């Protein structure tokens, strides 16, 4: 199991991203708009920079739903390779045939 604090920190980041997503998108459209004045675009850039860093989507770490492990993560299954192996040994994953030599 991963540290509870690490998992909770990541959950906090997910909530912050969801909360601030609309504001970030609006500011980015202003920044990318070539028709807007330079001052307006610069003001939008400063507002975006002043937002919390944890509200950026790239700050979220993919973690296993079962164990919280941050590495060896399968996106399609939303779990780590170790959790997949354990569930495969129990026969809980349909279509997975696990062989041991």
PDB file of N, CA and C in Angstrom:
ATOM      1  N   UNK A   1       0.826  -1.185   0.000  1.00  0.00           N
ATOM      2  CA  UNK A   1       0.000   0.000   0.000  1.00  0.00           C
ATOM      3  C   UNK A   1       0.876   1.256   0.000  1.00  0.00           C
ATOM      4  N   UNK A   2       0.423   2.237  -0.733  1.00  0.00           N
ATOM      5  CA  UNK A   2       1.126   3.518  -0.767  1.00  0.00           C
ATOM      6  C   UNK A   2       0.792   4.314   0.480  1.00  0.00           C
ATOM      7  N   UNK A   3       1.612   5.327   0.734  1.00  0.00           N
ATOM      8  CA  UNK A   3       1.342   6.192   1.876  1.00  0.00           C
ATOM      9  C   UNK A   3      -0.015   6.865   1.696  1.00  0.00           C
ATOM     10  N   UNK A   4      -0.769   6.911   2.745  1.00  0.00           N
ATOM     11  CA  UNK A   4      -2.101   7.514   2.689  1.00  0.00           C
ATOM     12  C   UNK A   4      -2.012   8.993   2.346  1.00  0.00           C
ATOM     13  N   UNK A   5      -0.973   9.654   2.837  1.00  0.00           N
ATOM     14  CA  UNK A   5      -0.825  11.085   2.566  1.00  0.00           C
ATOM     15  C   UNK A   5      -0.601  11.342   1.078  1.00  0.00           C
ATOM     16  N   UNK A   6       0.154  10.472   0.413  1.00  0.00           N
ATOM     17  CA  UNK A   6       0.404  10.635  -1.020  1.00  0.00           C
ATOM     18  C   UNK A   6      -0.880  10.451  -1.826  1.00  0.00           C
ATOM     19  N   UNK A   7      -1.666   9.466  -1.450  1.00  0.00           N
ATOM     20  CA  UNK A   7      -2.929   9.210  -2.138  1.00  0.00           C
ATOM     21  C   UNK A   7      -3.891  10.375  -1.924  1.00  0.00           C
ATOM     22  N   UNK A   8      -3.955  10.876  -0.704  1.00  0.00           N
ATOM     23  CA  UNK A   8      -4.855  11.997  -0.397  1.00  0.00           C
ATOM     24  C   UNK A   8      -4.407  13.280  -1.093  1.00  0.00           C
ATOM     25  N   UNK A   9      -3.103  13.489  -1.185  1.00  0.00           N
ATOM     26  CA  UNK A   9      -2.576  14.659  -1.885  1.00  0.00           C
ATOM     27  C   UNK A   9      -2.999  14.619  -3.354  1.00  0.00           C
ATOM     28  N   UNK A  10      -2.932  13.432  -3.950  1.00  0.00           N
ATOM     29  CA  UNK A  10      -3.338  13.276  -5.342  1.00  0.00           C
ATOM     30  C   UNK A  10      -4.846  13.491  -5.499  1.00  0.00           C
ATOM     31  N   UNK A  11      -5.637  13.005  -4.545  1.00  0.00           N
ATOM     32  CA  UNK A  11      -7.089  13.223  -4.587  1.00  0.00           C
ATOM     33  C   UNK A  11      -7.421  14.706  -4.471  1.00  0.00           C
ATOM     34  N   UNK A  12      -6.670  15.414  -3.636  1.00  0.00           N
ATOM     35  CA  UNK A  12      -6.856  16.863  -3.494  1.00  0.00           C
ATOM     36  C   UNK A  12      -6.556  17.565  -4.821  1.00  0.00           C
ATOM     37  N   UNK A  13      -5.504  17.121  -5.496  1.00  0.00           N
ATOM     38  CA  UNK A  13      -5.157  17.698  -6.795  1.00  0.00           C
ATOM     39  C   UNK A  13      -6.263  17.450  -7.809  1.00  0.00           C
ATOM     40  N   UNK A  14      -6.829  16.232  -7.812  1.00  0.00           N
ATOM     41  CA  UNK A  14      -7.917  15.925  -8.745  1.00  0.00           C
ATOM     42  C   UNK A  14      -9.116  16.854  -8.513  1.00  0.00           C
ATOM     43  N   UNK A  15      -9.441  17.084  -7.257  1.00  0.00           N
ATOM     44  CA  UNK A  15     -10.569  17.963  -6.938  1.00  0.00           C
ATOM     45  C   UNK A  15     -10.287  19.400  -7.373  1.00  0.00           C
ATOM     46  N   UNK A  16      -9.056  19.861  -7.152  1.00  0.00           N
ATOM     47  CA  UNK A  16      -8.681  21.220  -7.524  1.00  0.00           C
ATOM     48  C   UNK A  16      -8.690  21.403  -9.036  1.00  0.00           C
ATOM     49  N   UNK A  17      -8.251  20.395  -9.767  1.00  0.00           N
ATOM     50  CA  UNK A  17      -8.268  20.458 -11.233  1.00  0.00           C
ATOM     51  C   UNK A  17      -9.706  20.567 -11.727  1.00  0.00           C
ATOM     52  N   UNK A  18     -10.586  19.758 -11.159  1.00  0.00           N
ATOM     53  CA  UNK A  18     -11.992  19.793 -11.574  1.00  0.00           C
ATOM     54  C   UNK A  18     -12.638  21.140 -11.248  1.00  0.00           C
ATOM     55  N   UNK A  19     -12.256  21.704 -10.116  1.00  0.00           N
ATOM     56  CA  UNK A  19     -12.844  22.971  -9.667  1.00  0.00           C
ATOM     57  C   UNK A  19     -12.391  24.143 -10.545  1.00  0.00           C
ATOM     58  N   UNK A  20     -11.131  24.162 -10.950  1.00  0.00           N
ATOM     59  CA  UNK A  20     -10.564  25.314 -11.655  1.00  0.00           C
ATOM     60  C   UNK A  20     -10.454  25.115 -13.164  1.00  0.00           C
ATOM     61  N   UNK A  21     -10.948  24.009 -13.701  1.00  0.00           N
ATOM     62  CA  UNK A  21     -10.765  23.687 -15.116  1.00  0.00           C
ATOM     63  C   UNK A  21     -11.381  24.744 -16.036  1.00  0.00           C
ATOM     64  N   UNK A  22     -12.574  25.202 -15.726  1.00  0.00           N
ATOM     65  CA  UNK A  22     -13.255  26.162 -16.600  1.00  0.00           C
ATOM     66  C   UNK A  22     -12.502  27.490 -16.645  1.00  0.00           C
ATOM     67  N   UNK A  23     -12.022  27.943 -15.484  1.00  0.00           N
ATOM     68  CA  UNK A  23     -11.302  29.219 -15.424  1.00  0.00           C
ATOM     69  C   UNK A  23      -9.976  29.132 -16.190  1.00  0.00           C
ATOM     70  N   UNK A  24      -9.276  28.010 -16.035  1.00  0.00           N
ATOM     71  CA  UNK A  24      -8.009  27.821 -16.747  1.00  0.00           C
ATOM     72  C   UNK A  24      -8.236  27.803 -18.259  1.00  0.00           C
ATOM     73  N   UNK A  25      -9.300  27.129 -18.684  1.00  0.00           N
ATOM     74  CA  UNK A  25      -9.591  27.039 -20.114  1.00  0.00           C
ATOM     75  C   UNK A  25      -9.924  28.409 -20.691  1.00  0.00           C
ATOM     76  N   UNK A  26     -10.696  29.197 -19.949  1.00  0.00           N
ATOM     77  CA  UNK A  26     -11.053  30.536 -20.407  1.00  0.00           C
ATOM     78  C   UNK A  26      -9.809  31.421 -20.542  1.00  0.00           C
ATOM     79  N   UNK A  27      -8.921  31.349 -19.557  1.00  0.00           N
ATOM     80  CA  UNK A  27      -7.703  32.147 -19.621  1.00  0.00           C
ATOM     81  C   UNK A  27      -6.807  31.701 -20.774  1.00  0.00           C
ATOM     82  N   UNK A  28      -6.735  30.404 -21.014  1.00  0.00           N
ATOM     83  CA  UNK A  28      -5.892  29.917 -22.096  1.00  0.00           C
ATOM     84  C   UNK A  28      -6.431  30.316 -23.463  1.00  0.00           C
ATOM     85  N   UNK A  29      -7.755  30.378 -23.612  1.00  0.00           N
ATOM     86  CA  UNK A  29      -8.317  30.814 -24.891  1.00  0.00           C
ATOM     87  C   UNK A  29      -7.994  32.286 -25.149  1.00  0.00           C
ATOM     88  N   UNK A  30      -7.998  33.095 -24.093  1.00  0.00           N
ATOM     89  CA  UNK A  30      -7.633  34.508 -24.234  1.00  0.00           C
ATOM     90  C   UNK A  30      -6.158  34.627 -24.610  1.00  0.00           C
ATOM     91  N   UNK A  31      -5.313  33.822 -23.965  1.00  0.00           N
ATOM     92  CA  UNK A  31      -3.873  33.873 -24.246  1.00  0.00           C
ATOM     93  C   UNK A  31      -3.577  33.463 -25.686  1.00  0.00           C
ATOM     94  N   UNK A  32      -4.260  32.454 -26.192  1.00  0.00           N
ATOM     95  CA  UNK A  32      -4.002  31.947 -27.541  1.00  0.00           C
ATOM     96  C   UNK A  32      -4.692  32.764 -28.639  1.00  0.00           C
ATOM     97  N   UNK A  33      -5.610  33.656 -28.257  1.00  0.00           N
ATOM     98  CA  UNK A  33      -6.347  34.454 -29.236  1.00  0.00           C
ATOM     99  C   UNK A  33      -5.428  35.539 -29.809  1.00  0.00           C
ATOM    100  N   UNK A  34      -5.061  35.386 -31.081  1.00  0.00           N
ATOM    101  CA  UNK A  34      -4.154  36.352 -31.715  1.00  0.00           C
ATOM    102  C   UNK A  34      -4.836  37.686 -31.997  1.00  0.00           C
ATOM    103  N   UNK A  35      -6.168  37.709 -32.009  1.00  0.00           N
ATOM    104  CA  UNK A  35      -6.901  38.940 -32.272  1.00  0.00           C
ATOM    105  C   UNK A  35      -6.990  39.860 -31.068  1.00  0.00           C
ATOM    106  N   UNK A  36      -6.737  39.329 -29.871  1.00  0.00           N
ATOM    107  CA  UNK A  36      -6.818  40.143 -28.656  1.00  0.00           C
ATOM    108  C   UNK A  36      -5.583  41.025 -28.543  1.00  0.00           C
ATOM    109  N   UNK A  37      -5.726  42.103 -27.781  1.00  0.00           N
ATOM    110  CA  UNK A  37      -4.593  43.015 -27.608  1.00  0.00           C
ATOM    111  C   UNK A  37      -3.499  42.357 -26.765  1.00  0.00           C
ATOM    112  N   UNK A  38      -2.301  42.851 -26.911  1.00  0.00           N
ATOM    113  CA  UNK A  38      -1.156  42.282 -26.194  1.00  0.00           C
ATOM    114  C   UNK A  38      -1.318  42.462 -24.684  1.00  0.00           C
ATOM    115  N   UNK A  39      -1.849  43.602 -24.275  1.00  0.00           N
ATOM    116  CA  UNK A  39      -2.049  43.864 -22.843  1.00  0.00           C
ATOM    117  C   UNK A  39      -3.049  42.895 -22.236  1.00  0.00           C
ATOM    118  N   UNK A  40      -4.136  42.648 -22.974  1.00  0.00           N
ATOM    119  CA  UNK A  40      -5.169  41.727 -22.487  1.00  0.00           C
ATOM    120  C   UNK A  40      -4.612  40.301 -22.372  1.00  0.00           C
ATOM    121  N   UNK A  41      -3.840  39.884 -23.371  1.00  0.00           N
ATOM    122  CA  UNK A  41      -3.237  38.558 -23.339  1.00  0.00           C
ATOM    123  C   UNK A  41      -2.233  38.437 -22.198  1.00  0.00           C
ATOM    124  N   UNK A  42      -1.478  39.496 -21.958  1.00  0.00           N
ATOM    125  CA  UNK A  42      -0.486  39.482 -20.884  1.00  0.00           C
ATOM    126  C   UNK A  42      -1.165  39.425 -19.520  1.00  0.00           C
ATOM    127  N   UNK A  43      -2.273  40.169 -19.367  1.00  0.00           N
ATOM    128  CA  UNK A  43      -3.039  40.118 -18.112  1.00  0.00           C
ATOM    129  C   UNK A  43      -3.577  38.711 -17.852  1.00  0.00           C
ATOM    130  N   UNK A  44      -4.059  38.071 -18.906  1.00  0.00           N
ATOM    131  CA  UNK A  44      -4.562  36.698 -18.775  1.00  0.00           C
ATOM    132  C   UNK A  44      -3.424  35.750 -18.398  1.00  0.00           C
ATOM    133  N   UNK A  45      -2.244  35.975 -18.958  1.00  0.00           N
ATOM    134  CA  UNK A  45      -1.080  35.150 -18.632  1.00  0.00           C
ATOM    135  C   UNK A  45      -0.701  35.299 -17.166  1.00  0.00           C
ATOM    136  N   UNK A  46      -0.749  36.517 -16.650  1.00  0.00           N
ATOM    137  CA  UNK A  46      -0.435  36.754 -15.233  1.00  0.00           C
ATOM    138  C   UNK A  46      -1.472  36.107 -14.319  1.00  0.00           C
ATOM    139  N   UNK A  47      -2.741  36.173 -14.703  1.00  0.00           N
ATOM    140  CA  UNK A  47      -3.791  35.532 -13.901  1.00  0.00           C
ATOM    141  C   UNK A  47      -3.619  34.017 -13.890  1.00  0.00           C
ATOM    142  N   UNK A  48      -3.256  33.446 -15.033  1.00  0.00           N
ATOM    143  CA  UNK A  48      -3.026  32.006 -15.110  1.00  0.00           C
ATOM    144  C   UNK A  48      -1.835  31.605 -14.241  1.00  0.00           C
ATOM    145  N   UNK A  49      -0.797  32.417 -14.250  1.00  0.00           N
ATOM    146  CA  UNK A  49       0.389  32.125 -13.441  1.00  0.00           C
ATOM    147  C   UNK A  49       0.095  32.258 -11.946  1.00  0.00           C
ATOM    148  N   UNK A  50      -0.879  33.088 -11.598  1.00  0.00           N
ATOM    149  CA  UNK A  50      -1.217  33.295 -10.186  1.00  0.00           C
ATOM    150  C   UNK A  50      -2.101  32.185  -9.623  1.00  0.00           C
ATOM    151  N   UNK A  51      -2.669  31.356 -10.501  1.00  0.00           N
ATOM    152  CA  UNK A  51      -3.528  30.263 -10.039  1.00  0.00           C
ATOM    153  C   UNK A  51      -2.677  29.202  -9.349  1.00  0.00           C
ATOM    154  N   UNK A  52      -3.295  28.390  -8.478  1.00  0.00           N
ATOM    155  CA  UNK A  52      -2.526  27.344  -7.799  1.00  0.00           C
ATOM    156  C   UNK A  52      -1.934  26.348  -8.789  1.00  0.00           C
ATOM    157  N   UNK A  53      -0.704  25.934  -8.536  1.00  0.00           N
ATOM    158  CA  UNK A  53      -0.041  24.995  -9.438  1.00  0.00           C
ATOM    159  C   UNK A  53      -0.742  23.650  -9.451  1.00  0.00           C
ATOM    160  N   UNK A  54      -1.313  23.256  -8.333  1.00  0.00           N
ATOM    161  CA  UNK A  54      -1.986  21.960  -8.260  1.00  0.00           C
ATOM    162  C   UNK A  54      -3.301  21.937  -9.031  1.00  0.00           C
ATOM    163  N   UNK A  55      -3.699  23.064  -9.601  1.00  0.00           N
ATOM    164  CA  UNK A  55      -4.917  23.061 -10.407  1.00  0.00           C
ATOM    165  C   UNK A  55      -4.629  22.715 -11.864  1.00  0.00           C
ATOM    166  N   UNK A  56      -3.359  22.466 -12.197  1.00  0.00           N
ATOM    167  CA  UNK A  56      -2.986  22.042 -13.543  1.00  0.00           C
ATOM    168  C   UNK A  56      -3.150  20.533 -13.662  1.00  0.00           C
ATOM    169  N   UNK A  57      -3.670  20.093 -14.800  1.00  0.00           N
ATOM    170  CA  UNK A  57      -3.968  18.678 -14.992  1.00  0.00           C
ATOM    171  C   UNK A  57      -2.709  17.817 -15.013  1.00  0.00           C
ATOM    172  N   UNK A  58      -1.589  18.389 -15.434  1.00  0.00           N
ATOM    173  CA  UNK A  58      -0.352  17.610 -15.524  1.00  0.00           C
ATOM    174  C   UNK A  58       0.211  17.247 -14.155  1.00  0.00           C
ATOM    175  N   UNK A  59      -0.288  17.864 -13.105  1.00  0.00           N
ATOM    176  CA  UNK A  59       0.211  17.567 -11.760  1.00  0.00           C
ATOM    177  C   UNK A  59      -0.400  16.291 -11.173  1.00  0.00           C
ATOM    178  N   UNK A  60      -1.451  15.768 -11.803  1.00  0.00           N
ATOM    179  CA  UNK A  60      -2.095  14.552 -11.302  1.00  0.00           C
ATOM    180  C   UNK A  60      -1.242  13.344 -11.654  1.00  0.00           C
ATOM    181  N   UNK A  61      -1.059  12.479 -10.682  1.00  0.00           N
ATOM    182  CA  UNK A  61      -0.291  11.248 -10.886  1.00  0.00           C
ATOM    183  C   UNK A  61      -1.264  10.078 -10.995  1.00  0.00           C
ATOM    184  N   UNK A  62      -1.096   9.242 -12.006  1.00  0.00           N
ATOM    185  CA  UNK A  62      -1.929   8.050 -12.133  1.00  0.00           C
ATOM    186  C   UNK A  62      -1.538   7.056 -11.048  1.00  0.00           C
ATOM    187  N   UNK A  63      -2.508   6.610 -10.278  1.00  0.00           N
ATOM    188  CA  UNK A  63      -2.250   5.668  -9.192  1.00  0.00           C
ATOM    189  C   UNK A  63      -3.215   4.496  -9.278  1.00  0.00           C
ATOM    190  N   UNK A  64      -2.767   3.353  -8.774  1.00  0.00           N
ATOM    191  CA  UNK A  64      -3.585   2.144  -8.742  1.00  0.00           C
ATOM    192  C   UNK A  64      -4.815   2.385  -7.866  1.00  0.00           C
ATOM    193  N   UNK A  65      -5.980   1.967  -8.355  1.00  0.00           N
ATOM    194  CA  UNK A  65      -7.221   2.130  -7.590  1.00  0.00           C
ATOM    195  C   UNK A  65      -7.227   1.270  -6.333  1.00  0.00           C
ATOM    196  N   UNK A  66      -6.524   0.151  -6.363  1.00  0.00           N
ATOM    197  CA  UNK A  66      -6.560  -0.798  -5.250  1.00  0.00           C
ATOM    198  C   UNK A  66      -5.496  -0.478  -4.202  1.00  0.00           C
ATOM    199  N   UNK A  67      -4.240  -0.330  -4.657  1.00  0.00           N
ATOM    200  CA  UNK A  67      -3.132  -0.167  -3.716  1.00  0.00           C
ATOM    201  C   UNK A  67      -2.620   1.259  -3.613  1.00  0.00           C
ATOM    202  N   UNK A  68      -2.856   2.088  -4.625  1.00  0.00           N
ATOM    203  CA  UNK A  68      -2.334   3.442  -4.617  1.00  0.00           C
ATOM    204  C   UNK A  68      -0.929   3.536  -5.188  1.00  0.00           C
ATOM    205  N   UNK A  69      -0.418   2.437  -5.712  1.00  0.00           N
ATOM    206  CA  UNK A  69       0.938   2.409  -6.264  1.00  0.00           C
ATOM    207  C   UNK A  69       1.035   3.344  -7.470  1.00  0.00           C
ATOM    208  N   UNK A  70       2.080   4.209  -7.511  1.00  0.00           N
ATOM    209  CA  UNK A  70       2.175   5.171  -8.608  1.00  0.00           C
ATOM    210  C   UNK A  70       2.881   4.648  -9.853  1.00  0.00           C
ATOM    211  N   UNK A  71       3.615   3.555  -9.745  1.00  0.00           N
ATOM    212  CA  UNK A  71       4.390   3.065 -10.887  1.00  0.00           C
ATOM    213  C   UNK A  71       3.769   1.787 -11.449  1.00  0.00           C
ATOM    214  N   UNK A  72       4.183   1.433 -12.661  1.00  0.00           N
ATOM    215  CA  UNK A  72       3.695   0.233 -13.352  1.00  0.00           C
ATOM    216  C   UNK A  72       2.173   0.230 -13.402  1.00  0.00           C
ATOM    217  N   UNK A  73       1.618   1.334 -13.885  1.00  0.00           N
ATOM    218  CA  UNK A  73       0.176   1.562 -13.904  1.00  0.00           C
ATOM    219  C   UNK A  73      -0.372   1.290 -15.301  1.00  0.00           C
ATOM    220  N   UNK A  74      -1.402   0.452 -15.386  1.00  0.00           N
ATOM    221  CA  UNK A  74      -2.090   0.208 -16.646  1.00  0.00           C
ATOM    222  C   UNK A  74      -3.301   1.128 -16.719  1.00  0.00           C
ATOM    223  N   UNK A  75      -3.295   2.043 -17.696  1.00  0.00           N
ATOM    224  CA  UNK A  75      -4.381   3.019 -17.801  1.00  0.00           C
ATOM    225  C   UNK A  75      -5.726   2.361 -18.071  1.00  0.00           C
ATOM    226  N   UNK A  76      -5.712   1.358 -18.932  1.00  0.00           N
ATOM    227  CA  UNK A  76      -6.962   0.710 -19.324  1.00  0.00           C
ATOM    228  C   UNK A  76      -7.638   0.033 -18.136  1.00  0.00           C
ATOM    229  N   UNK A  77      -6.849  -0.528 -17.243  1.00  0.00           N
ATOM    230  CA  UNK A  77      -7.379  -1.254 -16.098  1.00  0.00           C
ATOM    231  C   UNK A  77      -7.430  -0.423 -14.824  1.00  0.00           C
ATOM    232  N   UNK A  78      -6.739   0.716 -14.807  1.00  0.00           N
ATOM    233  CA  UNK A  78      -6.639   1.606 -13.644  1.00  0.00           C
ATOM    234  C   UNK A  78      -6.068   0.898 -12.417  1.00  0.00           C
ATOM    235  N   UNK A  79      -5.081   0.035 -12.672  1.00  0.00           N
ATOM    236  CA  UNK A  79      -4.425  -0.650 -11.560  1.00  0.00           C
ATOM    237  C   UNK A  79      -2.983  -0.961 -11.927  1.00  0.00           C
ATOM    238  N   UNK A  80      -2.207  -1.294 -10.921  1.00  0.00           N
ATOM    239  CA  UNK A  80      -0.799  -1.600 -11.141  1.00  0.00           C
ATOM    240  C   UNK A  80      -0.637  -3.056 -11.552  1.00  0.00           C
ATOM    241  N   UNK A  81       0.555  -3.385 -12.002  1.00  0.00           N
ATOM    242  CA  UNK A  81       0.835  -4.744 -12.457  1.00  0.00           C
ATOM    243  C   UNK A  81       0.755  -5.741 -11.309  1.00  0.00           C
ATOM    244  N   UNK A  82       1.106  -5.301 -10.107  1.00  0.00           N
ATOM    245  CA  UNK A  82       1.091  -6.199  -8.949  1.00  0.00           C
ATOM    246  C   UNK A  82      -0.343  -6.538  -8.557  1.00  0.00           C
ATOM    247  N   UNK A  83      -1.210  -5.512  -8.544  1.00  0.00           N
ATOM    248  CA  UNK A  83      -2.620  -5.750  -8.215  1.00  0.00           C
ATOM    249  C   UNK A  83      -3.273  -6.630  -9.278  1.00  0.00           C
ATOM    250  N   UNK A  84      -2.896  -6.407 -10.543  1.00  0.00           N
ATOM    251  CA  UNK A  84      -3.441  -7.231 -11.623  1.00  0.00           C
ATOM    252  C   UNK A  84      -3.011  -8.682 -11.459  1.00  0.00           C
ATOM    253  N   UNK A  85      -1.780  -8.898 -11.082  1.00  0.00           N
ATOM    254  CA  UNK A  85      -1.269 -10.257 -10.891  1.00  0.00           C
ATOM    255  C   UNK A  85      -1.999 -10.969  -9.754  1.00  0.00           C
ATOM    256  N   UNK A  86      -2.231 -10.248  -8.665  1.00  0.00           N
ATOM    257  CA  UNK A  86      -2.941 -10.849  -7.523  1.00  0.00           C
ATOM    258  C   UNK A  86      -4.376 -11.202  -7.890  1.00  0.00           C
ATOM    259  N   UNK A  87      -5.063 -10.284  -8.567  1.00  0.00           N
ATOM    260  CA  UNK A  87      -6.442 -10.561  -8.975  1.00  0.00           C
ATOM    261  C   UNK A  87      -6.492 -11.668 -10.023  1.00  0.00           C
ATOM    262  N   UNK A  88      -5.476 -11.725 -10.881  1.00  0.00           N
ATOM    263  CA  UNK A  88      -5.411 -12.796 -11.872  1.00  0.00           C
ATOM    264  C   UNK A  88      -5.216 -14.154 -11.225  1.00  0.00           C
ATOM    265  N   UNK A  89      -4.426 -14.191 -10.156  1.00  0.00           N
ATOM    266  CA  UNK A  89      -4.205 -15.452  -9.438  1.00  0.00           C
ATOM    267  C   UNK A  89      -5.483 -15.945  -8.780  1.00  0.00           C
ATOM    268  N   UNK A  90      -6.313 -15.005  -8.345  1.00  0.00           N
ATOM    269  CA  UNK A  90      -7.590 -15.366  -7.710  1.00  0.00           C
ATOM    270  C   UNK A  90      -8.666 -15.708  -8.740  1.00  0.00           C
ATOM    271  N   UNK A  91      -8.395 -15.391 -10.005  1.00  0.00           N
ATOM    272  CA  UNK A  91      -9.384 -15.645 -11.052  1.00  0.00           C
ATOM    273  C   UNK A  91     -10.447 -14.579 -11.113  1.00  0.00           C
ATOM    274  N   UNK A  92     -10.149 -13.389 -10.624  1.00  0.00           N
ATOM    275  CA  UNK A  92     -11.138 -12.316 -10.570  1.00  0.00           C
ATOM    276  C   UNK A  92     -11.163 -11.458 -11.831  1.00  0.00           C
ATOM    277  N   UNK A  93     -10.196 -11.645 -12.737  1.00  0.00           N
ATOM    278  CA  UNK A  93     -10.151 -10.861 -13.970  1.00  0.00           C
ATOM    279  C   UNK A  93     -10.634 -11.740 -15.109  1.00  0.00           C
ATOM    280  N   UNK A  94     -11.796 -11.422 -15.705  1.00  0.00           N
ATOM    281  CA  UNK A  94     -12.317 -12.266 -16.777  1.00  0.00           C
ATOM    282  C   UNK A  94     -11.433 -12.205 -18.014  1.00  0.00           C
ATOM    283  N   UNK A  95     -11.156 -13.370 -18.588  1.00  0.00           N
ATOM    284  CA  UNK A  95     -10.356 -13.446 -19.798  1.00  0.00           C
ATOM    285  C   UNK A  95      -8.868 -13.501 -19.572  1.00  0.00           C
ATOM    286  N   UNK A  96      -8.414 -13.370 -18.331  1.00  0.00           N
ATOM    287  CA  UNK A  96      -6.985 -13.413 -18.035  1.00  0.00           C
ATOM    288  C   UNK A  96      -6.599 -14.814 -17.607  1.00  0.00           C
ATOM    289  N   UNK A  97      -5.652 -15.391 -18.335  1.00  0.00           N
ATOM    290  CA  UNK A  97      -5.165 -16.706 -17.991  1.00  0.00           C
ATOM    291  C   UNK A  97      -3.740 -16.534 -17.476  1.00  0.00           C
ATOM    292  N   UNK A  98      -3.535 -16.815 -16.210  1.00  0.00           N
ATOM    293  CA  UNK A  98      -2.215 -16.649 -15.616  1.00  0.00           C
ATOM    294  C   UNK A  98      -1.558 -18.016 -15.502  1.00  0.00           C
ATOM    295  N   UNK A  99      -0.361 -18.108 -16.061  1.00  0.00           N
ATOM    296  CA  UNK A  99       0.342 -19.390 -15.969  1.00  0.00           C
ATOM    297  C   UNK A  99       1.524 -19.246 -15.030  1.00  0.00           C
ATOM    298  N   UNK A 100       1.803 -20.270 -14.275  1.00  0.00           N
ATOM    299  CA  UNK A 100       2.990 -20.285 -13.423  1.00  0.00           C
ATOM    300  C   UNK A 100       3.749 -21.575 -13.736  1.00  0.00           C
ATOM    301  N   UNK A 101       5.029 -21.473 -13.863  1.00  0.00           N
ATOM    302  CA  UNK A 101       5.848 -22.606 -14.327  1.00  0.00           C
ATOM    303  C   UNK A 101       6.369 -23.401 -13.186  1.00  0.00           C
TER     304      UNK A 101
END
